[in-house]
Amino acid sequence: MTDLSPEKIARAFSSHRFDLAKPHLAEDIIWTVVGEPPLIGRKSVKKAIERTADGLATVTTEFQRFRTVVGEESVVVDSLARYTGSDGEVSIVASCDVYDFDGDGCITEIVSYTAELPQ
């Protein structure tokens, strides 16, 4: 495991660099994408991010906004991304991810808010 700060771990996860963030998932992590049932446990979250990574393999991602707010035990990442598929289809998504960390620097909970915006 690398010695990354909670901010760097959160930024990695939110920018789809899941390999950097995966070692920092708590065993009992809960990830809630608002409006969907929560994913509970490291195994469930890893499967979800592997599916996401596979889906993004042929997509170009350009972050038009990417900022973090760091608290004592939480990090918030606010982003606006433009996704362009291999077929040229474009999707613009605003998202906000709220990460909670334990004392060992592992993510214990993620709450994600996402909205696809008109172009």
C-alpha atoms as a PDB file:
ATOM      1  CA  MET A   1       0.000   0.000   0.000  1.00  0.00           C
ATOM      2  CA  THR A   2       1.273   3.437  -0.850  1.00  0.00           C
ATOM      3  CA  ASP A   3       1.380   6.254   1.637  1.00  0.00           C
ATOM      4  CA  LEU A   4      -1.177   8.560   0.010  1.00  0.00           C
ATOM      5  CA  SER A   5      -3.043  11.315   1.830  1.00  0.00           C
ATOM      6  CA  PRO A   6      -6.843  11.071   2.050  1.00  0.00           C
ATOM      7  CA  GLU A   7      -7.046  13.942  -0.467  1.00  0.00           C
ATOM      8  CA  LYS A   8      -4.890  12.087  -3.000  1.00  0.00           C
ATOM      9  CA  ILE A   9      -6.881   8.873  -2.501  1.00  0.00           C
ATOM     10  CA  ALA A  10     -10.183  10.707  -3.014  1.00  0.00           C
ATOM     11  CA  ARG A  11      -8.856  12.536  -6.074  1.00  0.00           C
ATOM     12  CA  ALA A  12      -7.649   9.236  -7.543  1.00  0.00           C
ATOM     13  CA  PHE A  13     -11.039   7.574  -7.051  1.00  0.00           C
ATOM     14  CA  SER A  14     -13.016  10.518  -8.448  1.00  0.00           C
ATOM     15  CA  SER A  15     -10.746  10.786 -11.495  1.00  0.00           C
ATOM     16  CA  HIS A  16     -11.178   7.068 -12.276  1.00  0.00           C
ATOM     17  CA  ARG A  17      -7.635   6.098 -11.254  1.00  0.00           C
ATOM     18  CA  PHE A  18      -9.085   3.239  -9.268  1.00  0.00           C
ATOM     19  CA  ASP A  19      -5.882   1.212  -8.986  1.00  0.00           C
ATOM     20  CA  LEU A  20      -4.438   3.907  -6.722  1.00  0.00           C
ATOM     21  CA  ALA A  21      -7.560   4.024  -4.554  1.00  0.00           C
ATOM     22  CA  LYS A  22      -8.381   0.289  -4.307  1.00  0.00           C
ATOM     23  CA  PRO A  23      -5.815  -0.533  -1.606  1.00  0.00           C
ATOM     24  CA  HIS A  24      -7.401   2.160   0.571  1.00  0.00           C
ATOM     25  CA  LEU A  25     -10.935   0.754   0.665  1.00  0.00           C
ATOM     26  CA  ALA A  26     -12.008  -0.319   4.156  1.00  0.00           C
ATOM     27  CA  GLU A  27     -13.298  -3.884   4.441  1.00  0.00           C
ATOM     28  CA  ASP A  28     -16.766  -2.619   5.449  1.00  0.00           C
ATOM     29  CA  ILE A  29     -16.924   0.370   3.069  1.00  0.00           C
ATOM     30  CA  ILE A  30     -20.333   1.668   2.020  1.00  0.00           C
ATOM     31  CA  TRP A  31     -20.701   3.448  -1.335  1.00  0.00           C
ATOM     32  CA  THR A  32     -23.981   5.160  -2.068  1.00  0.00           C
ATOM     33  CA  VAL A  33     -24.694   6.677  -5.448  1.00  0.00           C
ATOM     34  CA  VAL A  34     -27.686   8.790  -4.477  1.00  0.00           C
ATOM     35  CA  GLY A  35     -30.862   7.273  -5.937  1.00  0.00           C
ATOM     36  CA  GLU A  36     -29.383   3.740  -6.075  1.00  0.00           C
ATOM     37  CA  PRO A  37     -29.073   0.994  -3.469  1.00  0.00           C
ATOM     38  CA  PRO A  38     -25.782   1.237  -1.537  1.00  0.00           C
ATOM     39  CA  LEU A  39     -22.864  -1.072  -2.216  1.00  0.00           C
ATOM     40  CA  ILE A  40     -21.609  -2.610   1.002  1.00  0.00           C
ATOM     41  CA  GLY A  41     -18.171  -4.148   1.464  1.00  0.00           C
ATOM     42  CA  ARG A  42     -14.825  -3.943  -0.308  1.00  0.00           C
ATOM     43  CA  LYS A  43     -15.673  -6.800  -2.678  1.00  0.00           C
ATOM     44  CA  SER A  44     -18.864  -5.106  -3.951  1.00  0.00           C
ATOM     45  CA  VAL A  45     -17.163  -1.739  -4.395  1.00  0.00           C
ATOM     46  CA  LYS A  46     -14.190  -3.313  -6.214  1.00  0.00           C
ATOM     47  CA  LYS A  47     -16.557  -5.086  -8.635  1.00  0.00           C
ATOM     48  CA  ALA A  48     -18.387  -1.825  -9.332  1.00  0.00           C
ATOM     49  CA  ILE A  49     -15.223   0.160 -10.010  1.00  0.00           C
ATOM     50  CA  GLU A  50     -13.876  -2.627 -12.242  1.00  0.00           C
ATOM     51  CA  ARG A  51     -17.110  -2.431 -14.293  1.00  0.00           C
ATOM     52  CA  THR A  52     -16.761   1.342 -14.436  1.00  0.00           C
ATOM     53  CA  ALA A  53     -13.128   1.092 -15.538  1.00  0.00           C
ATOM     54  CA  ASP A  54     -14.086  -1.408 -18.257  1.00  0.00           C
ATOM     55  CA  GLY A  55     -16.857   0.922 -19.455  1.00  0.00           C
ATOM     56  CA  LEU A  56     -14.445   3.856 -19.603  1.00  0.00           C
ATOM     57  CA  ALA A  57     -11.688   1.943 -21.411  1.00  0.00           C
ATOM     58  CA  THR A  58     -12.644   3.371 -24.818  1.00  0.00           C
ATOM     59  CA  VAL A  59     -13.871   6.736 -23.521  1.00  0.00           C
ATOM     60  CA  THR A  60     -11.892   9.967 -23.414  1.00  0.00           C
ATOM     61  CA  THR A  61     -12.454  11.848 -20.165  1.00  0.00           C
ATOM     62  CA  GLU A  62     -11.742  15.567 -19.896  1.00  0.00           C
ATOM     63  CA  PHE A  63     -12.269  17.229 -16.540  1.00  0.00           C
ATOM     64  CA  GLN A  64     -13.472  20.774 -16.986  1.00  0.00           C
ATOM     65  CA  ARG A  65     -13.631  21.331 -13.218  1.00  0.00           C
ATOM     66  CA  PHE A  66     -11.982  19.284 -10.495  1.00  0.00           C
ATOM     67  CA  ARG A  67     -11.631  20.619  -6.979  1.00  0.00           C
ATOM     68  CA  THR A  68     -11.373  19.228  -3.484  1.00  0.00           C
ATOM     69  CA  VAL A  69     -12.369  20.391  -0.042  1.00  0.00           C
ATOM     70  CA  VAL A  70     -10.521  18.673   2.791  1.00  0.00           C
ATOM     71  CA  GLY A  71     -11.911  18.297   6.309  1.00  0.00           C
ATOM     72  CA  GLU A  72     -10.597  16.449   9.355  1.00  0.00           C
ATOM     73  CA  GLU A  73     -11.992  13.016   8.438  1.00  0.00           C
ATOM     74  CA  SER A  74     -13.659  13.761   5.106  1.00  0.00           C
ATOM     75  CA  VAL A  75     -12.757  14.888   1.600  1.00  0.00           C
ATOM     76  CA  VAL A  76     -15.195  16.257  -0.983  1.00  0.00           C
ATOM     77  CA  VAL A  77     -14.433  16.165  -4.705  1.00  0.00           C
ATOM     78  CA  ASP A  78     -16.526  18.342  -7.004  1.00  0.00           C
ATOM     79  CA  SER A  79     -16.079  17.748 -10.716  1.00  0.00           C
ATOM     80  CA  LEU A  80     -17.459  18.428 -14.143  1.00  0.00           C
ATOM     81  CA  ALA A  81     -16.369  15.961 -16.801  1.00  0.00           C
ATOM     82  CA  ARG A  82     -16.842  15.600 -20.519  1.00  0.00           C
ATOM     83  CA  TYR A  83     -16.895  11.978 -21.674  1.00  0.00           C
ATOM     84  CA  THR A  84     -16.433  11.229 -25.375  1.00  0.00           C
ATOM     85  CA  GLY A  85     -17.095   7.683 -26.536  1.00  0.00           C
ATOM     86  CA  SER A  86     -15.263   5.969 -29.369  1.00  0.00           C
ATOM     87  CA  ASP A  87     -18.392   6.609 -31.478  1.00  0.00           C
ATOM     88  CA  GLY A  88     -18.074  10.360 -30.852  1.00  0.00           C
ATOM     89  CA  GLU A  89     -21.042  10.521 -28.488  1.00  0.00           C
ATOM     90  CA  VAL A  90     -20.522  13.128 -25.769  1.00  0.00           C
ATOM     91  CA  SER A  91     -21.862  13.150 -22.223  1.00  0.00           C
ATOM     92  CA  ILE A  92     -21.264  15.905 -19.676  1.00  0.00           C
ATOM     93  CA  VAL A  93     -21.571  14.892 -16.038  1.00  0.00           C
ATOM     94  CA  ALA A  94     -21.410  16.987 -12.880  1.00  0.00           C
ATOM     95  CA  SER A  95     -20.558  15.006  -9.778  1.00  0.00           C
ATOM     96  CA  CYS A  96     -19.782  15.455  -6.134  1.00  0.00           C
ATOM     97  CA  ASP A  97     -18.222  12.651  -4.082  1.00  0.00           C
ATOM     98  CA  VAL A  98     -18.041  12.826  -0.297  1.00  0.00           C
ATOM     99  CA  TYR A  99     -15.433  10.504   1.233  1.00  0.00           C
ATOM    100  CA  ASP A 100     -15.120   9.550   4.895  1.00  0.00           C
ATOM    101  CA  PHE A 101     -11.851   8.078   6.161  1.00  0.00           C
ATOM    102  CA  ASP A 102     -10.860   6.121   9.241  1.00  0.00           C
ATOM    103  CA  GLY A 103      -7.737   6.803  11.291  1.00  0.00           C
ATOM    104  CA  ASP A 104      -5.689   4.449   9.078  1.00  0.00           C
ATOM    105  CA  GLY A 105      -6.427   6.404   5.900  1.00  0.00           C
ATOM    106  CA  CYS A 106      -8.958   3.929   4.510  1.00  0.00           C
ATOM    107  CA  ILE A 107     -12.208   5.040   2.885  1.00  0.00           C
ATOM    108  CA  THR A 108     -15.126   3.947   5.073  1.00  0.00           C
ATOM    109  CA  GLU A 109     -17.913   5.613   3.141  1.00  0.00           C
ATOM    110  CA  ILE A 110     -18.521   7.360  -0.177  1.00  0.00           C
ATOM    111  CA  VAL A 111     -21.663   9.273  -1.075  1.00  0.00           C
ATOM    112  CA  SER A 112     -21.808  10.230  -4.760  1.00  0.00           C
ATOM    113  CA  TYR A 113     -24.149  12.715  -6.372  1.00  0.00           C
ATOM    114  CA  THR A 114     -24.193  12.773 -10.180  1.00  0.00           C
ATOM    115  CA  ALA A 115     -26.190  14.600 -12.833  1.00  0.00           C
ATOM    116  CA  GLU A 116     -25.894  14.364 -16.579  1.00  0.00           C
ATOM    117  CA  LEU A 117     -26.119  17.847 -18.036  1.00  0.00           C
ATOM    118  CA  PRO A 118     -27.530  19.010 -21.362  1.00  0.00           C
ATOM    119  CA  GLN A 119     -24.932  19.927 -23.940  1.00  0.00           C
END
